[in-house]
Protein backbone atom coordinates (compact mmCIF):
# COMPACT_ATOMS: atom_id res chain seq x y z
CA MET A 1 0.22 -0.11 0.01
CA ASP A 2 1.15 3.63 -0.11
CA ALA A 3 1.33 5.84 2.11
CA LEU A 4 -0.01 9.34 1.75
CA LYS A 5 1.09 12.42 4.70
CA ILE A 6 -2.23 14.67 4.51
CA THR A 7 -1.80 18.42 5.85
CA LEU A 8 -4.49 20.02 7.27
CA THR A 9 -5.55 23.42 9.21
CA PRO A 10 -8.45 23.79 10.76
CA GLN A 11 -10.77 26.40 9.94
CA THR A 12 -13.52 26.49 12.66
CA ALA A 13 -13.99 23.83 15.95
CA PHE A 14 -14.90 20.56 15.90
CA GLY A 15 -17.68 18.36 17.69
CA THR A 16 -15.85 15.36 17.15
CA PRO A 17 -12.24 14.55 17.40
CA LEU A 18 -10.10 14.03 14.12
CA VAL A 19 -9.63 10.09 14.83
CA GLY A 20 -8.89 7.25 11.91
CA ASP A 21 -12.15 5.31 12.34
CA THR A 22 -14.65 8.07 11.89
CA LEU A 23 -12.54 9.79 9.44
CA PHE A 24 -12.47 6.55 6.99
CA GLY A 25 -16.45 6.16 7.69
CA HIS A 26 -16.39 10.08 6.59
CA LEU A 27 -14.68 9.10 3.43
CA CYS A 28 -16.56 6.65 2.73
CA TRP A 29 -19.67 8.35 2.29
CA GLY A 30 -17.59 10.77 0.28
CA ILE A 31 -16.68 8.51 -2.13
CA ALA A 32 -20.43 7.49 -2.68
CA GLU A 33 -20.83 10.82 -2.93
CA ALA A 34 -18.35 11.74 -5.45
CA TYR A 35 -18.21 8.38 -7.38
CA GLY A 36 -21.32 6.08 -6.96
CA VAL A 37 -22.40 3.31 -4.22
CA ALA A 38 -21.62 1.18 -6.67
CA ARG A 39 -17.85 2.10 -6.52
CA LEU A 40 -17.90 2.12 -2.59
CA ARG A 41 -19.18 -1.76 -2.71
CA ASP A 42 -16.70 -2.53 -5.09
CA LEU A 43 -13.66 -0.75 -2.71
CA LEU A 44 -15.44 -2.66 -0.09
CA ASP A 45 -15.52 -6.01 -1.25
CA GLY A 46 -12.82 -7.79 0.96
CA TYR A 47 -12.61 -5.80 3.81
CA THR A 48 -13.67 -7.66 6.48
CA ALA A 49 -11.44 -10.55 4.78
CA GLY A 50 -7.71 -8.75 5.08
CA ALA A 51 -8.31 -6.80 2.54
CA PRO A 52 -8.78 -2.86 2.95
CA PHE A 53 -8.39 -0.80 0.15
CA LEU A 54 -7.63 2.59 2.79
CA ILE A 55 -6.69 3.25 6.10
CA ALA A 56 -6.65 6.09 7.96
CA SER A 57 -4.36 7.59 10.93
CA ASP A 58 -5.77 9.83 13.34
CA ALA A 59 -4.61 13.64 12.78
CA PHE A 60 -1.34 14.75 14.93
CA PRO A 61 0.52 18.00 15.44
CA ALA A 62 2.48 18.60 12.63
CA HIS A 63 5.38 16.91 12.90
CA TYR A 64 4.49 14.73 15.47
CA LEU A 65 3.34 11.55 16.34
CA PRO A 66 2.00 9.71 19.45
CA LEU A 67 3.82 8.80 22.45
CA PRO A 68 3.58 5.00 22.50
CA THR A 69 1.52 3.34 25.29
CA LEU A 70 4.59 2.04 27.38
CA PRO A 71 5.31 1.03 30.74
CA SER A 72 6.26 3.55 33.20
CA GLU A 73 9.13 1.71 33.82
CA TYR A 74 10.48 1.42 30.44
CA TRP A 75 11.21 4.78 30.19
CA GLU A 76 15.01 6.56 30.89
CA ALA A 77 14.73 8.40 33.31
CA GLY A 78 14.90 12.73 32.39
CA GLU A 79 15.50 15.62 33.85
CA GLU A 80 11.85 15.61 34.73
CA THR A 81 10.41 13.66 37.53
CA ASP A 82 6.96 14.85 37.97
CA ARG A 83 4.59 11.69 37.23
CA LYS A 84 1.72 14.21 36.61
CA LYS A 85 3.66 15.90 34.17
CA LEU A 86 5.32 12.96 32.33
CA LYS A 87 1.53 11.70 31.89
CA LYS A 88 1.00 15.49 29.79
CA LYS A 89 3.74 15.14 27.32
CA GLN A 90 1.99 12.74 24.71
CA TRP A 91 3.70 14.36 21.99
CA LEU A 92 6.68 12.64 19.89
CA PRO A 93 8.58 14.59 17.72
CA LEU A 94 8.98 13.06 14.00
CA GLU A 95 13.43 13.62 15.03
CA ALA A 96 13.28 11.68 17.99
CA LEU A 97 12.22 8.41 15.44
CA LYS A 98 16.47 7.77 14.89
CA GLU A 99 16.80 7.81 18.93
CA PRO A 100 16.28 4.32 20.93
CA VAL A 101 12.84 3.89 22.20
CA ARG A 102 13.59 3.92 25.56
CA ALA A 103 14.71 7.75 25.40
CA TRP A 104 11.88 8.71 23.65
CA GLN A 105 9.89 10.30 26.67
CA LYS A 106 13.00 12.52 27.56
CA HIS A 107 11.73 14.10 24.11
CA ALA A 108 8.15 13.90 24.46
CA LYS A 109 6.48 17.24 24.37
CA SER A 110 2.96 18.25 25.99
CA ASN A 111 -0.03 20.47 24.12
CA ASN A 112 1.23 23.61 25.66
CA ASP A 113 4.89 22.87 24.77
CA ILE A 114 3.84 22.39 20.92
CA ALA A 115 2.12 25.86 20.94
CA ALA A 116 -0.29 28.05 23.85
CA ASP A 117 -4.01 26.16 23.91
CA LEU A 118 -2.98 23.66 20.87
CA ILE A 119 -6.29 22.42 21.58
CA THR A 120 -8.75 23.70 24.49
CA SER A 121 -12.59 22.40 25.29
CA HIS A 122 -15.28 24.76 25.92
CA SER A 123 -19.04 24.42 26.48
CA GLN A 124 -21.70 26.10 23.93
CA ALA A 125 -25.54 26.61 25.13
CA HIS A 126 -28.00 25.91 23.14
CA ASN A 127 -31.66 26.63 23.27
CA THR A 128 -35.00 24.83 21.94
CA ILE A 129 -37.40 26.91 21.04
CA ASN A 130 -41.26 25.48 21.54
CA ARG A 131 -43.75 26.90 18.59
CA ALA A 132 -46.76 26.49 20.97
CA THR A 133 -45.19 29.11 24.09
CA HIS A 134 -42.37 30.74 22.12
CA THR A 135 -39.90 30.42 24.72
CA THR A 136 -37.64 27.36 26.16
CA GLY A 137 -38.95 24.89 28.60
CA THR A 138 -38.63 21.74 30.16
CA GLY A 139 -37.88 17.91 28.39
CA ALA A 140 -37.44 18.24 24.85
CA PHE A 141 -37.49 22.42 25.22
CA ALA A 142 -34.79 22.04 28.12
CA PRO A 143 -31.75 24.38 27.28
CA TYR A 144 -28.36 22.19 26.97
CA SER A 145 -24.59 22.30 26.13
CA SER A 146 -22.23 20.36 24.13
CA GLU A 147 -18.70 20.91 24.30
CA GLN A 148 -16.44 21.84 21.10
CA ASN A 149 -12.65 21.50 20.56
CA TRP A 150 -10.81 24.09 19.49
CA TYR A 151 -7.64 24.34 17.75
CA SER A 152 -4.98 27.09 18.16
CA ALA A 153 -5.42 29.68 14.86
CA GLY A 154 -2.73 29.03 12.63
CA SER A 155 -1.44 25.49 14.26
CA ALA A 156 -1.12 22.78 11.41
CA TRP A 157 -2.27 18.81 11.62
CA GLN A 158 -1.13 15.77 9.87
CA LEU A 159 -3.06 12.69 9.15
CA TYR A 160 -1.73 9.20 6.70
CA LEU A 161 -3.29 7.60 4.67
CA LEU A 162 -2.61 4.22 3.78
CA HIS A 163 -4.09 3.26 0.19
CA ASP A 164 -3.92 0.82 -2.59
CA PRO A 165 -3.28 2.82 -5.51
CA ALA A 166 -4.88 0.14 -8.10
CA ARG A 167 -8.46 0.82 -6.13
CA ILE A 168 -8.13 4.16 -5.35
CA SER A 169 -5.90 7.27 -6.34
CA HIS A 170 -3.83 9.53 -4.73
CA ASP A 171 -5.76 12.49 -6.79
CA GLU A 172 -9.19 10.66 -5.69
CA LEU A 173 -8.61 10.82 -2.36
CA VAL A 174 -7.35 14.56 -2.28
CA ARG A 175 -10.84 15.75 -3.70
CA ILE A 176 -13.13 14.08 -1.34
CA LEU A 177 -10.81 15.20 1.73
CA ALA A 178 -10.79 18.71 0.43
CA ASN A 179 -14.64 18.18 -0.34
CA LEU A 180 -15.21 17.05 3.36
CA GLY A 181 -13.35 19.91 4.79
CA HIS A 182 -15.69 22.33 3.18
CA SER A 183 -18.83 20.36 4.28
CA GLY A 184 -17.59 19.45 7.96
CA TYR A 185 -16.66 16.42 9.58
CA GLY A 186 -18.25 15.31 12.97
CA ARG A 187 -20.72 16.10 14.96
CA ASP A 188 -22.94 19.59 14.05
CA ALA A 189 -20.88 20.06 10.64
CA SER A 190 -24.32 21.20 9.30
CA THR A 191 -24.06 23.81 11.94
CA GLY A 192 -20.29 24.95 11.05
CA LEU A 193 -18.35 22.57 13.05
CA GLY A 194 -15.64 20.56 11.94
CA LYS A 195 -14.31 23.00 8.76
CA TYR A 196 -10.82 22.32 7.68
CA GLN A 197 -8.20 23.02 4.07
CA VAL A 198 -6.18 20.81 3.00
CA GLU A 199 -2.63 21.96 2.92
CA ALA A 200 -0.53 19.59 1.43
CA CYS A 201 -0.49 16.19 0.30
CA GLU A 202 2.35 13.98 -0.35
CA ALA A 203 4.39 10.85 0.09
CA SER A 204 5.75 9.61 3.04
CA ASP A 205 8.52 6.80 3.87
CA LEU A 206 7.90 6.79 7.74
CA PHE A 207 6.67 3.25 7.37
CA LYS A 208 9.50 1.42 6.01
CA ARG A 209 10.81 1.60 9.24
CA GLU A 210 12.03 -2.10 10.67
CA GLY A 211 11.60 -3.55 14.23
CA ASN A 212 10.17 -6.33 16.66
CA ALA A 213 7.18 -4.47 17.49
CA ALA A 214 4.76 -1.83 16.02
CA MET A 215 2.94 1.51 17.53
CA THR A 216 -0.74 2.26 15.80
CA LEU A 217 -1.72 5.61 14.56
CA ALA A 218 -5.35 5.03 15.09
CA PRO A 219 -8.00 2.81 17.19
CA CYS A 220 -7.78 -0.79 16.01
CA CYS A 221 -9.11 -4.02 16.65
CA PRO A 222 -6.10 -6.34 17.12
CA GLN A 223 -8.30 -9.22 18.21
CA GLY A 224 -7.10 -12.75 17.49
CA GLN A 225 -3.90 -11.27 15.61
CA SER A 226 -1.60 -13.60 17.16
CA PHE A 227 0.65 -10.86 19.40
CA ASP A 228 2.74 -11.41 22.08
CA ARG A 229 0.56 -10.84 24.83
CA ALA A 230 3.53 -10.37 27.29
CA HIS A 231 4.76 -7.44 25.43
CA SER A 232 1.84 -5.62 24.07
CA TYR A 233 0.25 -2.66 25.58
CA TYR A 234 -2.63 -0.36 24.85
CA GLN A 235 -5.44 0.69 26.63
CA THR A 236 -8.95 -0.19 25.76
CA LEU A 237 -11.69 2.05 24.35
CA THR A 238 -15.62 1.52 23.07
CA ARG A 239 -16.65 2.91 20.60
CA PHE A 240 -20.19 3.88 20.64
CA GLY A 241 -20.79 4.51 16.40
CA ARG A 242 -23.49 6.65 14.96
CA HIS A 243 -24.47 6.17 11.13
CA GLY A 244 -23.81 9.46 9.18
CA ASN A 245 -24.71 11.29 6.43
CA VAL A 246 -28.21 10.21 5.09
CA GLN A 247 -28.26 7.57 7.07
CA ALA A 248 -28.28 9.10 10.36
CA THR A 249 -31.66 9.81 9.44
CA ALA A 250 -32.98 6.73 8.24
CA GLY A 251 -34.59 4.36 11.22
CA ASN A 252 -31.75 3.74 14.42
CA PRO A 253 -28.89 5.85 13.59
CA PHE A 254 -26.81 3.90 16.44
CA LYS A 255 -24.51 1.50 15.55
CA LYS A 256 -23.32 -2.02 17.68
CA PRO A 257 -20.20 -1.04 20.29
CA VAL A 258 -16.74 -1.74 19.02
CA LEU A 259 -13.97 -3.05 21.36
CA MET A 260 -11.09 -1.19 20.10
CA ALA A 261 -7.40 -0.98 20.88
CA GLN A 262 -6.75 3.58 21.40
CA SER A 263 -4.13 4.76 19.62
CA GLY A 264 -0.38 4.34 20.52
CA ALA A 265 -0.48 1.25 21.00
CA VAL A 266 2.19 -1.36 21.41
CA PHE A 267 2.03 -4.78 20.16
CA SER A 268 4.47 -7.38 19.49
CA GLY A 269 4.80 -9.90 16.65
CA GLU A 270 4.41 -11.06 13.31
CA ARG A 271 3.07 -8.80 10.56
CA HIS A 272 4.16 -10.48 7.70
CA GLY A 273 5.93 -6.92 6.57
CA ARG A 274 2.81 -4.84 6.22
CA PRO A 275 2.85 -1.33 7.56
CA TRP A 276 -0.71 -2.09 9.62
CA ILE A 277 -2.64 -4.40 11.84
CA GLY A 278 -5.85 -4.98 12.46
CA GLN A 279 -9.29 -5.76 10.44
CA GLY A 280 -12.44 -4.74 9.31
CA ILE A 281 -15.30 -5.30 11.40
CA GLY A 282 -18.78 -6.21 9.96
CA ASP A 283 -22.74 -6.90 11.35
CA ILE A 284 -22.24 -3.54 12.78
CA SER A 285 -25.18 -1.72 11.65
CA THR A 286 -29.17 -3.19 12.33
CA THR A 287 -30.44 -0.37 9.67
CA LEU A 288 -27.52 -0.48 6.85
CA PRO A 289 -26.21 -4.58 7.16
CA ALA A 290 -23.51 -3.66 4.77
CA THR A 291 -21.81 -1.31 7.28
CA VAL A 292 -18.18 -2.26 8.02
CA HIS A 293 -15.58 -0.19 10.89
CA GLN A 294 -12.33 0.71 10.25
CA GLY A 295 -10.38 -1.59 12.74
CA TYR A 296 -6.86 -1.44 10.79
CA ALA A 297 -4.45 1.22 12.20
CA PRO A 298 -1.47 2.02 10.12
CA VAL A 299 1.48 1.49 12.36
CA ILE A 300 5.50 2.34 12.65
CA ALA A 301 7.62 -0.45 13.47
CA LEU A 302 9.85 0.10 16.56
CA GLU A 303 12.84 -1.84 18.60
CA LEU A 304 11.64 -2.91 22.19
């Protein structure tokens, strides 16, 4: 698979974090809109059988990756010894990849080390007006708030796409990403959230590293992959997905929950030379049986 590095600049607040599995769903809808549902069906052929046509990573601050999820005793001791401060240092500069893995935490940065207010969350108040009383009220008409994520002004974010060039081209992916940036990504896109601009798209050699373990760049489903349990480290999350686009209003919008390993997970074992791990997940929707979830993740090799 070919690897692309995409640079984005957020233009508005986001209601949903830019994470790989959610982004994949948006890109699938974008393919259906731009090239037709039949094309999407063709691309998804074999997706749950270990033949993905596209794998999306999370978005990270430009020139950074997540620090791997490793036990605290694994890291070399540095000048900083406060564990609370060390936990905030979650971003690894790309230039630190040439260092031994044990030294990576000493090079890691926190959000504020990269930029003031790199990511901030704010509550946005909303009102629902009862047309009979012309005011708010109780129940469905009670005021409520929702969280919005704001990125620092002028900040750039980068994500990685692995794609099969025989099935979908570089230019097609850029077009779909640009369309998504104009229409908005995630929750409340229809009210102006989730807009971004594609600044650059280039080939990446990040996935040509070698090692006895791999770090994930998106949430994934590693179940049944025969990894070395004694030397694999991860935190779990349960993804309670919802349908998007027109399917959001076509019956039940909720998907079945999916248990995943969070981004930055480390798995030891055989990857068969592939720059990704995981699996495609099906049978997660009662209203659209063909629905799949990205349980794959791009990975970079590292030596434990």
